[in-house]
Amino acid sequence: MMLNRSPDKAGTHRGNDTLQTLDEPLDRIGDWGPTATAAGLFQLVPVRVERDLRLLTPWMNDPAVAAFWELSGPPAVTENHLRAQLDGDGRSVPCIGVLDGTPMSYWEIYRADLDPLARHYPARPRDCGLHLLLGTVGDRGRGLGSILLRAVADLVLDETPASARVLAEPDLRNIPSVTAFLNAGFRFSAEVDLPTKRAALMVRDRSLRHLM
């Protein structure tokens, strides 16, 4: 399973006219620690280019991933995408997902209210967003994505108390991804027209997290 990036290139995040203050950057994800899931012990580890580029480049060149992430090509393509976030102001944090000690997924945790996405839906202050791809074919299509999406969304809510909800915007054509979000306790909120796709706006609400 793989999810799409934001409507603009990651790392070029800009707030809309009413949501411009970066008062809670996501710069402490490395301190969140591991969380227990039905699939094993999972942890988000912030990306280090010199360590992780060799891992991420083949994932981005997987045709199933490239169709949605559009980052296929030589290592420099992935490196530029990562550095745009790492050299930014903490609005988006690229991470490796480590399951029982094995790096197996790539995540971007970002401030959705300060992202170009905020121009396309009724954003609320401190909305958080996420993107995910599972690195290997063997990890896809068996429910693992839903388990990890639920775990990470709940981590975000636990570790960012001012955030009332977590959002994502998978391509409507990516039925496995939309289904994974639904199975992870997200609700379908709306269809939104973004610059590069028509997306399903998926929301996991703090107030409903124990019911879904």
N, C-alpha and C. Protein backbone atom coordinates (compact mmCIF):
# COMPACT_ATOMS: atom_id res chain seq x y z
N MET A 1 0.84 -1.19 0.00
CA MET A 1 0.00 0.00 0.00
C MET A 1 0.87 1.23 0.00
N MET A 2 0.50 2.24 -0.76
CA MET A 2 1.23 3.48 -0.76
C MET A 2 0.25 4.63 -0.87
N LEU A 3 0.60 5.74 -0.26
CA LEU A 3 -0.24 6.91 -0.24
C LEU A 3 0.45 8.03 -0.99
N ASN A 4 -0.32 9.03 -1.38
CA ASN A 4 0.21 10.10 -2.18
C ASN A 4 0.78 11.21 -1.33
N ARG A 5 1.65 11.99 -1.96
CA ARG A 5 2.20 13.15 -1.29
C ARG A 5 1.19 14.29 -1.32
N SER A 6 1.58 15.41 -0.69
CA SER A 6 0.74 16.60 -0.71
C SER A 6 0.64 17.14 -2.12
N PRO A 7 -0.33 18.05 -2.39
CA PRO A 7 -0.51 18.53 -3.74
C PRO A 7 0.68 19.28 -4.30
N ASP A 8 1.50 19.94 -3.48
CA ASP A 8 2.75 20.51 -3.92
C ASP A 8 3.87 19.61 -3.43
N LYS A 9 5.07 19.79 -3.98
CA LYS A 9 6.19 18.98 -3.56
C LYS A 9 6.40 19.11 -2.07
N ALA A 10 6.65 17.99 -1.41
CA ALA A 10 6.90 18.04 0.02
C ALA A 10 8.10 18.94 0.29
N GLY A 11 8.01 19.70 1.38
CA GLY A 11 9.08 20.61 1.72
C GLY A 11 8.83 22.03 1.24
N THR A 12 7.84 22.25 0.39
CA THR A 12 7.51 23.60 -0.05
C THR A 12 6.21 24.03 0.61
N HIS A 13 5.99 23.60 1.82
CA HIS A 13 4.74 23.84 2.52
C HIS A 13 4.57 25.32 2.81
N ARG A 14 3.38 25.84 2.52
CA ARG A 14 3.06 27.22 2.77
C ARG A 14 1.66 27.28 3.39
N GLY A 15 1.47 28.13 4.37
CA GLY A 15 0.16 28.27 4.97
C GLY A 15 -0.75 29.11 4.10
N ASN A 16 -2.07 29.02 4.36
CA ASN A 16 -2.97 29.92 3.65
C ASN A 16 -3.02 31.25 4.39
N ASP A 17 -3.87 32.18 3.96
CA ASP A 17 -3.84 33.52 4.49
C ASP A 17 -4.19 33.58 5.97
N THR A 18 -4.95 32.61 6.47
CA THR A 18 -5.40 32.68 7.86
C THR A 18 -4.65 31.74 8.78
N LEU A 19 -3.77 30.89 8.23
CA LEU A 19 -3.07 29.90 9.05
C LEU A 19 -1.59 29.95 8.70
N GLN A 20 -0.87 30.93 9.19
CA GLN A 20 0.51 31.11 8.78
C GLN A 20 1.50 30.93 9.92
N THR A 21 1.05 30.80 11.14
CA THR A 21 1.97 30.77 12.27
C THR A 21 2.40 29.34 12.57
N LEU A 22 3.69 29.10 12.51
CA LEU A 22 4.22 27.78 12.84
C LEU A 22 4.54 27.76 14.32
N ASP A 23 3.53 27.50 15.15
CA ASP A 23 3.71 27.58 16.60
C ASP A 23 3.98 26.23 17.24
N GLU A 24 3.98 25.17 16.45
CA GLU A 24 4.23 23.85 17.02
C GLU A 24 4.86 22.95 15.96
N PRO A 25 6.13 23.22 15.63
CA PRO A 25 6.79 22.39 14.62
C PRO A 25 6.89 20.95 15.09
N LEU A 26 6.91 20.05 14.13
CA LEU A 26 6.96 18.62 14.45
C LEU A 26 8.42 18.18 14.48
N ASP A 27 9.14 18.68 15.46
CA ASP A 27 10.59 18.45 15.46
C ASP A 27 11.04 17.51 16.57
N ARG A 28 10.10 16.81 17.21
CA ARG A 28 10.49 15.92 18.30
C ARG A 28 10.02 14.49 18.07
N ILE A 29 9.76 14.15 16.83
CA ILE A 29 9.24 12.81 16.53
C ILE A 29 10.23 11.74 16.98
N GLY A 30 11.51 12.04 16.90
CA GLY A 30 12.51 11.08 17.34
C GLY A 30 12.42 10.73 18.81
N ASP A 31 11.73 11.55 19.58
CA ASP A 31 11.57 11.30 21.02
C ASP A 31 10.27 10.57 21.35
N TRP A 32 9.46 10.28 20.34
CA TRP A 32 8.16 9.67 20.62
C TRP A 32 8.29 8.24 21.13
N GLY A 33 9.33 7.56 20.73
CA GLY A 33 9.56 6.20 21.20
C GLY A 33 8.71 5.18 20.48
N PRO A 34 8.92 3.89 20.78
CA PRO A 34 8.18 2.82 20.11
C PRO A 34 6.77 2.68 20.65
N THR A 35 5.93 2.06 19.83
CA THR A 35 4.55 1.77 20.25
C THR A 35 4.22 0.33 19.86
N ALA A 36 3.49 -0.35 20.72
CA ALA A 36 3.12 -1.74 20.46
C ALA A 36 1.94 -1.78 19.50
N THR A 37 2.01 -2.65 18.50
CA THR A 37 0.91 -2.85 17.56
C THR A 37 0.65 -4.35 17.42
N ALA A 38 -0.43 -4.69 16.76
CA ALA A 38 -0.74 -6.10 16.53
C ALA A 38 0.29 -6.76 15.63
N ALA A 39 1.07 -5.95 14.90
CA ALA A 39 2.09 -6.50 14.00
C ALA A 39 3.47 -6.55 14.63
N GLY A 40 3.62 -5.93 15.80
CA GLY A 40 4.91 -5.89 16.45
C GLY A 40 5.22 -4.51 16.98
N LEU A 41 6.45 -4.32 17.47
CA LEU A 41 6.86 -3.04 18.04
C LEU A 41 7.27 -2.11 16.91
N PHE A 42 6.62 -0.94 16.87
CA PHE A 42 6.82 -0.02 15.74
C PHE A 42 7.34 1.31 16.26
N GLN A 43 8.23 1.92 15.47
CA GLN A 43 8.79 3.22 15.83
C GLN A 43 9.05 4.05 14.59
N LEU A 44 8.78 5.36 14.69
CA LEU A 44 9.14 6.32 13.65
C LEU A 44 10.53 6.85 13.96
N VAL A 45 11.42 6.77 12.97
CA VAL A 45 12.79 7.26 13.13
C VAL A 45 13.03 8.34 12.08
N PRO A 46 13.25 9.59 12.48
CA PRO A 46 13.47 10.64 11.49
C PRO A 46 14.58 10.28 10.51
N VAL A 47 14.37 10.62 9.25
CA VAL A 47 15.30 10.27 8.19
C VAL A 47 16.64 10.97 8.38
N ARG A 48 17.72 10.25 8.10
CA ARG A 48 19.05 10.81 7.88
C ARG A 48 19.46 10.41 6.48
N VAL A 49 19.71 11.39 5.63
CA VAL A 49 19.94 11.11 4.21
C VAL A 49 21.10 10.16 4.02
N GLU A 50 22.21 10.40 4.70
CA GLU A 50 23.40 9.57 4.51
C GLU A 50 23.16 8.13 4.92
N ARG A 51 22.24 7.88 5.79
CA ARG A 51 21.93 6.52 6.24
C ARG A 51 20.82 5.88 5.42
N ASP A 52 19.83 6.67 5.01
CA ASP A 52 18.58 6.09 4.51
C ASP A 52 18.37 6.20 3.01
N LEU A 53 19.17 6.98 2.31
CA LEU A 53 18.94 7.18 0.88
C LEU A 53 19.04 5.86 0.11
N ARG A 54 19.98 5.02 0.48
CA ARG A 54 20.15 3.74 -0.23
C ARG A 54 18.94 2.84 -0.04
N LEU A 55 18.27 2.97 1.08
CA LEU A 55 17.05 2.20 1.34
C LEU A 55 15.87 2.77 0.57
N LEU A 56 15.73 4.09 0.58
CA LEU A 56 14.54 4.73 0.03
C LEU A 56 14.51 4.77 -1.49
N THR A 57 15.66 4.90 -2.12
CA THR A 57 15.66 5.03 -3.59
C THR A 57 15.03 3.84 -4.29
N PRO A 58 15.35 2.60 -3.95
CA PRO A 58 14.66 1.48 -4.59
C PRO A 58 13.16 1.46 -4.31
N TRP A 59 12.75 1.87 -3.12
CA TRP A 59 11.32 1.92 -2.83
C TRP A 59 10.63 2.91 -3.76
N MET A 60 11.23 4.07 -3.96
CA MET A 60 10.62 5.08 -4.83
C MET A 60 10.60 4.65 -6.29
N ASN A 61 11.46 3.71 -6.65
CA ASN A 61 11.51 3.23 -8.03
C ASN A 61 10.64 2.00 -8.27
N ASP A 62 9.99 1.49 -7.23
CA ASP A 62 9.00 0.44 -7.40
C ASP A 62 7.86 1.03 -8.24
N PRO A 63 7.50 0.41 -9.37
CA PRO A 63 6.46 1.01 -10.23
C PRO A 63 5.16 1.31 -9.50
N ALA A 64 4.76 0.46 -8.56
CA ALA A 64 3.51 0.70 -7.84
C ALA A 64 3.60 1.94 -6.95
N VAL A 65 4.79 2.22 -6.42
CA VAL A 65 5.00 3.41 -5.61
C VAL A 65 5.15 4.64 -6.51
N ALA A 66 5.96 4.49 -7.56
CA ALA A 66 6.24 5.63 -8.44
C ALA A 66 4.98 6.19 -9.08
N ALA A 67 3.98 5.34 -9.30
CA ALA A 67 2.74 5.81 -9.94
C ALA A 67 2.06 6.89 -9.13
N PHE A 68 2.26 6.89 -7.81
CA PHE A 68 1.60 7.87 -6.96
C PHE A 68 2.57 8.89 -6.35
N TRP A 69 3.79 8.49 -6.06
CA TRP A 69 4.74 9.40 -5.43
C TRP A 69 5.53 10.22 -6.45
N GLU A 70 5.71 9.71 -7.64
CA GLU A 70 6.39 10.43 -8.73
C GLU A 70 7.81 10.84 -8.33
N LEU A 71 8.53 9.93 -7.68
CA LEU A 71 9.91 10.18 -7.27
C LEU A 71 10.86 9.12 -7.80
N SER A 72 10.49 8.46 -8.88
CA SER A 72 11.40 7.47 -9.47
C SER A 72 12.56 8.19 -10.14
N GLY A 73 13.65 7.44 -10.31
CA GLY A 73 14.84 8.01 -10.94
C GLY A 73 16.07 7.77 -10.10
N PRO A 74 17.14 8.49 -10.37
CA PRO A 74 18.39 8.29 -9.62
C PRO A 74 18.25 8.76 -8.17
N PRO A 75 19.22 8.40 -7.33
CA PRO A 75 19.14 8.77 -5.92
C PRO A 75 18.96 10.27 -5.69
N ALA A 76 19.46 11.11 -6.58
CA ALA A 76 19.35 12.56 -6.39
C ALA A 76 17.91 13.02 -6.33
N VAL A 77 17.00 12.31 -7.02
CA VAL A 77 15.59 12.70 -7.01
C VAL A 77 15.02 12.55 -5.60
N THR A 78 15.26 11.38 -5.01
CA THR A 78 14.80 11.15 -3.64
C THR A 78 15.52 12.05 -2.66
N GLU A 79 16.81 12.24 -2.86
CA GLU A 79 17.58 13.09 -1.94
C GLU A 79 17.04 14.52 -1.93
N ASN A 80 16.75 15.07 -3.10
CA ASN A 80 16.21 16.43 -3.15
C ASN A 80 14.88 16.54 -2.43
N HIS A 81 14.05 15.50 -2.58
CA HIS A 81 12.75 15.48 -1.90
C HIS A 81 12.94 15.48 -0.39
N LEU A 82 13.88 14.69 0.10
CA LEU A 82 14.12 14.61 1.54
C LEU A 82 14.72 15.90 2.08
N ARG A 83 15.71 16.43 1.37
CA ARG A 83 16.40 17.61 1.89
C ARG A 83 15.49 18.83 1.92
N ALA A 84 14.53 18.90 1.00
CA ALA A 84 13.58 20.02 1.03
C ALA A 84 12.81 20.05 2.35
N GLN A 85 12.55 18.88 2.90
CA GLN A 85 11.89 18.82 4.21
C GLN A 85 12.88 19.02 5.35
N LEU A 86 14.02 18.34 5.28
CA LEU A 86 14.99 18.39 6.37
C LEU A 86 15.58 19.78 6.53
N ASP A 87 15.68 20.54 5.46
CA ASP A 87 16.22 21.89 5.52
C ASP A 87 15.13 22.93 5.77
N GLY A 88 13.91 22.48 5.99
CA GLY A 88 12.79 23.39 6.20
C GLY A 88 12.66 23.80 7.66
N ASP A 89 11.45 24.16 8.05
CA ASP A 89 11.23 24.73 9.37
C ASP A 89 10.46 23.82 10.30
N GLY A 90 10.44 22.53 10.02
CA GLY A 90 9.80 21.58 10.92
C GLY A 90 8.34 21.33 10.62
N ARG A 91 7.83 21.87 9.51
CA ARG A 91 6.42 21.63 9.17
C ARG A 91 6.19 20.22 8.65
N SER A 92 7.21 19.60 8.10
CA SER A 92 7.10 18.24 7.57
C SER A 92 8.34 17.46 7.96
N VAL A 93 8.12 16.27 8.50
CA VAL A 93 9.23 15.45 8.99
C VAL A 93 9.19 14.10 8.29
N PRO A 94 10.20 13.78 7.46
CA PRO A 94 10.26 12.47 6.84
C PRO A 94 10.83 11.45 7.82
N CYS A 95 10.23 10.27 7.84
CA CYS A 95 10.62 9.25 8.82
C CYS A 95 10.68 7.87 8.16
N ILE A 96 11.51 7.02 8.73
CA ILE A 96 11.51 5.60 8.42
C ILE A 96 10.68 4.89 9.48
N GLY A 97 9.78 4.02 9.04
CA GLY A 97 9.03 3.19 9.97
C GLY A 97 9.76 1.89 10.21
N VAL A 98 10.07 1.60 11.47
CA VAL A 98 10.84 0.42 11.85
C VAL A 98 9.92 -0.51 12.63
N LEU A 99 9.75 -1.72 12.12
CA LEU A 99 8.87 -2.71 12.75
C LEU A 99 9.71 -3.87 13.26
N ASP A 100 9.68 -4.08 14.56
CA ASP A 100 10.49 -5.13 15.19
C ASP A 100 11.94 -5.06 14.72
N GLY A 101 12.47 -3.84 14.64
CA GLY A 101 13.87 -3.64 14.31
C GLY A 101 14.18 -3.58 12.83
N THR A 102 13.18 -3.77 11.96
CA THR A 102 13.42 -3.78 10.52
C THR A 102 12.81 -2.54 9.86
N PRO A 103 13.62 -1.73 9.17
CA PRO A 103 13.07 -0.60 8.42
C PRO A 103 12.20 -1.12 7.28
N MET A 104 10.92 -0.68 7.24
CA MET A 104 10.01 -1.27 6.27
C MET A 104 8.99 -0.30 5.67
N SER A 105 9.03 0.96 6.06
CA SER A 105 8.07 1.91 5.52
C SER A 105 8.64 3.32 5.58
N TYR A 106 8.06 4.21 4.78
CA TYR A 106 8.44 5.61 4.76
C TYR A 106 7.21 6.45 5.08
N TRP A 107 7.40 7.45 5.93
CA TRP A 107 6.31 8.30 6.40
C TRP A 107 6.70 9.76 6.27
N GLU A 108 5.71 10.60 6.07
CA GLU A 108 5.86 12.04 6.21
C GLU A 108 4.75 12.53 7.14
N ILE A 109 5.16 13.10 8.27
CA ILE A 109 4.23 13.67 9.23
C ILE A 109 4.32 15.18 9.07
N TYR A 110 3.20 15.84 8.83
CA TYR A 110 3.28 17.26 8.50
C TYR A 110 2.11 18.05 9.10
N ARG A 111 2.31 19.35 9.23
CA ARG A 111 1.27 20.25 9.67
C ARG A 111 0.35 20.54 8.48
N ALA A 112 -0.80 19.90 8.45
CA ALA A 112 -1.72 20.06 7.33
C ALA A 112 -2.28 21.47 7.24
N ASP A 113 -2.42 22.13 8.39
CA ASP A 113 -2.97 23.49 8.37
C ASP A 113 -2.00 24.50 7.78
N LEU A 114 -0.72 24.14 7.68
CA LEU A 114 0.29 25.02 7.11
C LEU A 114 0.76 24.53 5.75
N ASP A 115 0.11 23.54 5.23
CA ASP A 115 0.45 22.91 3.96
C ASP A 115 -0.43 23.49 2.85
N PRO A 116 0.00 23.40 1.59
CA PRO A 116 -0.89 23.81 0.49
C PRO A 116 -2.24 23.10 0.52
N LEU A 117 -2.30 21.92 1.13
CA LEU A 117 -3.57 21.21 1.26
C LEU A 117 -4.62 22.08 1.94
N ALA A 118 -4.20 22.98 2.83
CA ALA A 118 -5.15 23.79 3.60
C ALA A 118 -5.97 24.72 2.71
N ARG A 119 -5.52 24.94 1.49
CA ARG A 119 -6.29 25.76 0.56
C ARG A 119 -7.48 25.03 -0.01
N HIS A 120 -7.55 23.73 0.20
CA HIS A 120 -8.53 22.90 -0.48
C HIS A 120 -9.54 22.24 0.45
N TYR A 121 -9.47 22.54 1.75
CA TYR A 121 -10.45 21.98 2.68
C TYR A 121 -10.57 22.96 3.85
N PRO A 122 -11.61 22.86 4.68
CA PRO A 122 -11.76 23.78 5.83
C PRO A 122 -10.76 23.42 6.93
N ALA A 123 -9.56 23.95 6.81
CA ALA A 123 -8.49 23.61 7.74
C ALA A 123 -8.77 24.18 9.13
N ARG A 124 -8.29 23.44 10.14
CA ARG A 124 -8.35 23.90 11.51
C ARG A 124 -6.93 24.04 12.05
N PRO A 125 -6.69 24.97 12.96
CA PRO A 125 -5.35 25.12 13.51
C PRO A 125 -4.83 23.80 14.07
N ARG A 126 -3.58 23.50 13.74
CA ARG A 126 -2.83 22.34 14.23
C ARG A 126 -3.34 21.01 13.65
N ASP A 127 -4.09 21.06 12.57
CA ASP A 127 -4.36 19.81 11.85
C ASP A 127 -3.03 19.17 11.48
N CYS A 128 -2.90 17.86 11.66
CA CYS A 128 -1.72 17.13 11.24
C CYS A 128 -2.09 16.19 10.09
N GLY A 129 -1.14 16.00 9.19
CA GLY A 129 -1.35 15.09 8.07
C GLY A 129 -0.27 14.04 8.02
N LEU A 130 -0.53 12.99 7.26
CA LEU A 130 0.49 11.96 7.09
C LEU A 130 0.42 11.34 5.70
N HIS A 131 1.58 10.91 5.24
CA HIS A 131 1.75 10.13 4.03
C HIS A 131 2.50 8.86 4.40
N LEU A 132 2.24 7.78 3.68
CA LEU A 132 2.87 6.49 3.97
C LEU A 132 3.10 5.71 2.69
N LEU A 133 4.24 5.03 2.64
CA LEU A 133 4.41 3.94 1.68
C LEU A 133 5.05 2.76 2.39
N LEU A 134 4.58 1.57 2.04
CA LEU A 134 5.20 0.33 2.52
C LEU A 134 6.25 -0.07 1.51
N GLY A 135 7.45 -0.38 2.00
CA GLY A 135 8.59 -0.50 1.12
C GLY A 135 8.63 -1.73 0.25
N THR A 136 8.10 -2.85 0.71
CA THR A 136 8.23 -4.09 -0.05
C THR A 136 6.87 -4.67 -0.37
N VAL A 137 6.82 -5.38 -1.49
CA VAL A 137 5.56 -5.97 -1.95
C VAL A 137 4.99 -6.91 -0.90
N GLY A 138 5.84 -7.64 -0.20
CA GLY A 138 5.38 -8.61 0.78
C GLY A 138 4.64 -8.01 1.96
N ASP A 139 4.83 -6.70 2.19
CA ASP A 139 4.14 -6.03 3.29
C ASP A 139 2.81 -5.43 2.87
N ARG A 140 2.48 -5.52 1.60
CA ARG A 140 1.25 -4.91 1.10
C ARG A 140 0.14 -5.95 0.95
N GLY A 141 -1.08 -5.48 1.08
CA GLY A 141 -2.23 -6.33 0.80
C GLY A 141 -2.57 -7.33 1.87
N ARG A 142 -2.05 -7.15 3.09
CA ARG A 142 -2.36 -8.10 4.17
C ARG A 142 -2.80 -7.41 5.46
N GLY A 143 -3.20 -6.15 5.34
CA GLY A 143 -3.73 -5.44 6.49
C GLY A 143 -2.70 -4.71 7.32
N LEU A 144 -1.43 -4.81 6.98
CA LEU A 144 -0.39 -4.17 7.77
C LEU A 144 -0.51 -2.65 7.71
N GLY A 145 -0.86 -2.12 6.54
CA GLY A 145 -0.99 -0.67 6.41
C GLY A 145 -2.01 -0.11 7.38
N SER A 146 -3.15 -0.78 7.52
CA SER A 146 -4.19 -0.30 8.44
C SER A 146 -3.71 -0.31 9.88
N ILE A 147 -3.00 -1.35 10.26
CA ILE A 147 -2.48 -1.45 11.63
C ILE A 147 -1.54 -0.29 11.92
N LEU A 148 -0.64 0.00 10.98
CA LEU A 148 0.34 1.04 11.21
C LEU A 148 -0.28 2.43 11.11
N LEU A 149 -1.22 2.62 10.20
CA LEU A 149 -1.90 3.91 10.10
C LEU A 149 -2.61 4.26 11.39
N ARG A 150 -3.30 3.30 11.96
CA ARG A 150 -3.98 3.54 13.24
C ARG A 150 -2.96 3.88 14.33
N ALA A 151 -1.87 3.12 14.37
CA ALA A 151 -0.87 3.34 15.41
C ALA A 151 -0.22 4.71 15.28
N VAL A 152 0.11 5.10 14.07
CA VAL A 152 0.78 6.39 13.88
C VAL A 152 -0.19 7.54 14.10
N ALA A 153 -1.42 7.42 13.63
CA ALA A 153 -2.40 8.48 13.88
C ALA A 153 -2.60 8.68 15.39
N ASP A 154 -2.66 7.59 16.13
CA ASP A 154 -2.83 7.70 17.57
C ASP A 154 -1.58 8.26 18.24
N LEU A 155 -0.41 7.94 17.71
CA LEU A 155 0.82 8.54 18.21
C LEU A 155 0.79 10.06 18.03
N VAL A 156 0.38 10.49 16.85
CA VAL A 156 0.31 11.92 16.58
C VAL A 156 -0.64 12.60 17.58
N LEU A 157 -1.80 12.00 17.79
CA LEU A 157 -2.76 12.60 18.73
C LEU A 157 -2.23 12.58 20.16
N ASP A 158 -1.54 11.52 20.53
CA ASP A 158 -0.99 11.44 21.88
C ASP A 158 0.13 12.46 22.10
N GLU A 159 0.96 12.66 21.08
CA GLU A 159 2.17 13.47 21.24
C GLU A 159 1.97 14.93 20.86
N THR A 160 0.87 15.26 20.20
CA THR A 160 0.57 16.65 19.86
C THR A 160 -0.81 16.98 20.44
N PRO A 161 -0.89 17.27 21.73
CA PRO A 161 -2.19 17.44 22.41
C PRO A 161 -3.06 18.54 21.81
N ALA A 162 -2.46 19.51 21.13
CA ALA A 162 -3.26 20.60 20.56
C ALA A 162 -3.90 20.21 19.23
N SER A 163 -3.55 19.06 18.70
CA SER A 163 -4.12 18.61 17.42
C SER A 163 -5.38 17.81 17.69
N ALA A 164 -6.47 18.23 17.05
CA ALA A 164 -7.75 17.56 17.25
C ALA A 164 -8.00 16.46 16.25
N ARG A 165 -7.18 16.41 15.18
CA ARG A 165 -7.44 15.39 14.16
C ARG A 165 -6.21 15.19 13.29
N VAL A 166 -6.17 14.03 12.65
CA VAL A 166 -5.13 13.66 11.71
C VAL A 166 -5.79 13.44 10.35
N LEU A 167 -5.18 13.96 9.29
CA LEU A 167 -5.77 13.89 7.97
C LEU A 167 -4.83 13.21 6.97
N ALA A 168 -5.42 12.75 5.88
CA ALA A 168 -4.65 12.26 4.73
C ALA A 168 -5.49 12.48 3.49
N GLU A 169 -4.85 12.44 2.32
CA GLU A 169 -5.55 12.72 1.07
C GLU A 169 -5.10 11.76 -0.03
N PRO A 170 -5.38 10.45 0.13
CA PRO A 170 -5.01 9.51 -0.93
C PRO A 170 -5.80 9.76 -2.20
N ASP A 171 -5.19 9.42 -3.31
CA ASP A 171 -5.86 9.49 -4.61
C ASP A 171 -7.10 8.60 -4.58
N LEU A 172 -8.21 9.13 -5.07
CA LEU A 172 -9.44 8.34 -5.09
C LEU A 172 -9.29 7.04 -5.87
N ARG A 173 -8.37 7.03 -6.84
CA ARG A 173 -8.17 5.82 -7.64
C ARG A 173 -7.43 4.74 -6.86
N ASN A 174 -6.80 5.14 -5.77
CA ASN A 174 -6.00 4.19 -4.99
C ASN A 174 -6.90 3.52 -3.95
N ILE A 175 -7.74 2.64 -4.42
CA ILE A 175 -8.74 1.99 -3.57
C ILE A 175 -8.10 1.27 -2.38
N PRO A 176 -6.99 0.54 -2.54
CA PRO A 176 -6.39 -0.11 -1.37
C PRO A 176 -6.02 0.88 -0.26
N SER A 177 -5.53 2.06 -0.65
CA SER A 177 -5.16 3.04 0.35
C SER A 177 -6.39 3.60 1.07
N VAL A 178 -7.41 3.96 0.31
CA VAL A 178 -8.63 4.48 0.93
C VAL A 178 -9.21 3.44 1.88
N THR A 179 -9.22 2.19 1.46
CA THR A 179 -9.74 1.12 2.31
C THR A 179 -8.91 0.97 3.57
N ALA A 180 -7.60 1.08 3.43
CA ALA A 180 -6.72 0.96 4.60
C ALA A 180 -7.01 2.05 5.62
N PHE A 181 -7.26 3.27 5.15
CA PHE A 181 -7.60 4.35 6.07
C PHE A 181 -8.91 4.07 6.79
N LEU A 182 -9.90 3.62 6.05
CA LEU A 182 -11.18 3.31 6.69
C LEU A 182 -11.01 2.23 7.76
N ASN A 183 -10.22 1.22 7.45
CA ASN A 183 -9.98 0.14 8.42
C ASN A 183 -9.13 0.60 9.60
N ALA A 184 -8.45 1.74 9.43
CA ALA A 184 -7.60 2.27 10.51
C ALA A 184 -8.34 3.27 11.39
N GLY A 185 -9.64 3.44 11.19
CA GLY A 185 -10.40 4.34 12.03
C GLY A 185 -10.53 5.75 11.51
N PHE A 186 -10.13 5.96 10.25
CA PHE A 186 -10.37 7.25 9.61
C PHE A 186 -11.78 7.22 9.01
N ARG A 187 -12.36 8.41 8.88
CA ARG A 187 -13.64 8.53 8.19
C ARG A 187 -13.44 9.27 6.88
N PHE A 188 -14.24 8.94 5.90
CA PHE A 188 -14.22 9.66 4.63
C PHE A 188 -14.96 10.98 4.83
N SER A 189 -14.26 12.10 4.61
CA SER A 189 -14.84 13.41 4.86
C SER A 189 -15.36 14.08 3.59
N ALA A 190 -14.60 13.98 2.50
CA ALA A 190 -15.00 14.69 1.28
C ALA A 190 -14.10 14.26 0.13
N GLU A 191 -14.54 14.53 -1.08
CA GLU A 191 -13.68 14.48 -2.25
C GLU A 191 -13.14 15.89 -2.48
N VAL A 192 -11.84 15.99 -2.71
CA VAL A 192 -11.23 17.31 -2.93
C VAL A 192 -10.42 17.29 -4.21
N ASP A 193 -10.53 18.38 -4.96
CA ASP A 193 -9.74 18.53 -6.19
C ASP A 193 -8.44 19.23 -5.85
N LEU A 194 -7.33 18.48 -5.98
CA LEU A 194 -6.00 19.01 -5.75
C LEU A 194 -5.31 19.22 -7.09
N PRO A 195 -4.20 19.95 -7.11
CA PRO A 195 -3.57 20.24 -8.40
C PRO A 195 -3.19 19.02 -9.22
N THR A 196 -2.87 17.90 -8.56
CA THR A 196 -2.39 16.74 -9.31
C THR A 196 -3.31 15.53 -9.22
N LYS A 197 -4.45 15.66 -8.53
CA LYS A 197 -5.30 14.49 -8.37
C LYS A 197 -6.64 14.89 -7.77
N ARG A 198 -7.59 13.98 -7.85
CA ARG A 198 -8.82 14.08 -7.07
C ARG A 198 -8.65 13.13 -5.90
N ALA A 199 -8.78 13.66 -4.70
CA ALA A 199 -8.39 12.92 -3.51
C ALA A 199 -9.57 12.67 -2.60
N ALA A 200 -9.42 11.64 -1.79
CA ALA A 200 -10.35 11.36 -0.70
C ALA A 200 -9.76 11.98 0.56
N LEU A 201 -10.45 12.93 1.14
CA LEU A 201 -10.00 13.52 2.40
C LEU A 201 -10.43 12.60 3.53
N MET A 202 -9.44 12.00 4.20
CA MET A 202 -9.67 11.05 5.27
C MET A 202 -9.29 11.70 6.59
N VAL A 203 -10.12 11.49 7.62
CA VAL A 203 -9.92 12.19 8.89
C VAL A 203 -10.04 11.18 10.04
N ARG A 204 -9.10 11.25 10.96
CA ARG A 204 -9.22 10.53 12.24
C ARG A 204 -9.33 11.57 13.34
N ASP A 205 -10.49 11.62 13.98
CA ASP A 205 -10.80 12.63 14.99
C ASP A 205 -10.39 12.16 16.38
N ARG A 206 -9.79 13.05 17.14
CA ARG A 206 -9.47 12.73 18.52
C ARG A 206 -10.73 12.29 19.28
N SER A 207 -11.84 12.99 19.06
CA SER A 207 -13.06 12.73 19.83
C SER A 207 -13.70 11.40 19.49
N LEU A 208 -13.34 10.83 18.31
CA LEU A 208 -13.94 9.56 17.89
C LEU A 208 -12.95 8.39 17.90
N ARG A 209 -11.74 8.64 18.32
CA ARG A 209 -10.68 7.63 18.16
C ARG A 209 -10.98 6.34 18.91
N HIS A 210 -11.69 6.42 20.02
CA HIS A 210 -11.98 5.21 20.80
C HIS A 210 -13.25 4.51 20.34
N LEU A 211 -13.91 5.09 19.35
CA LEU A 211 -15.13 4.49 18.79
C LEU A 211 -14.92 3.89 17.42
N MET A 212 -13.80 4.21 16.77
CA MET A 212 -13.58 3.77 15.39
C MET A 212 -12.23 3.06 15.27
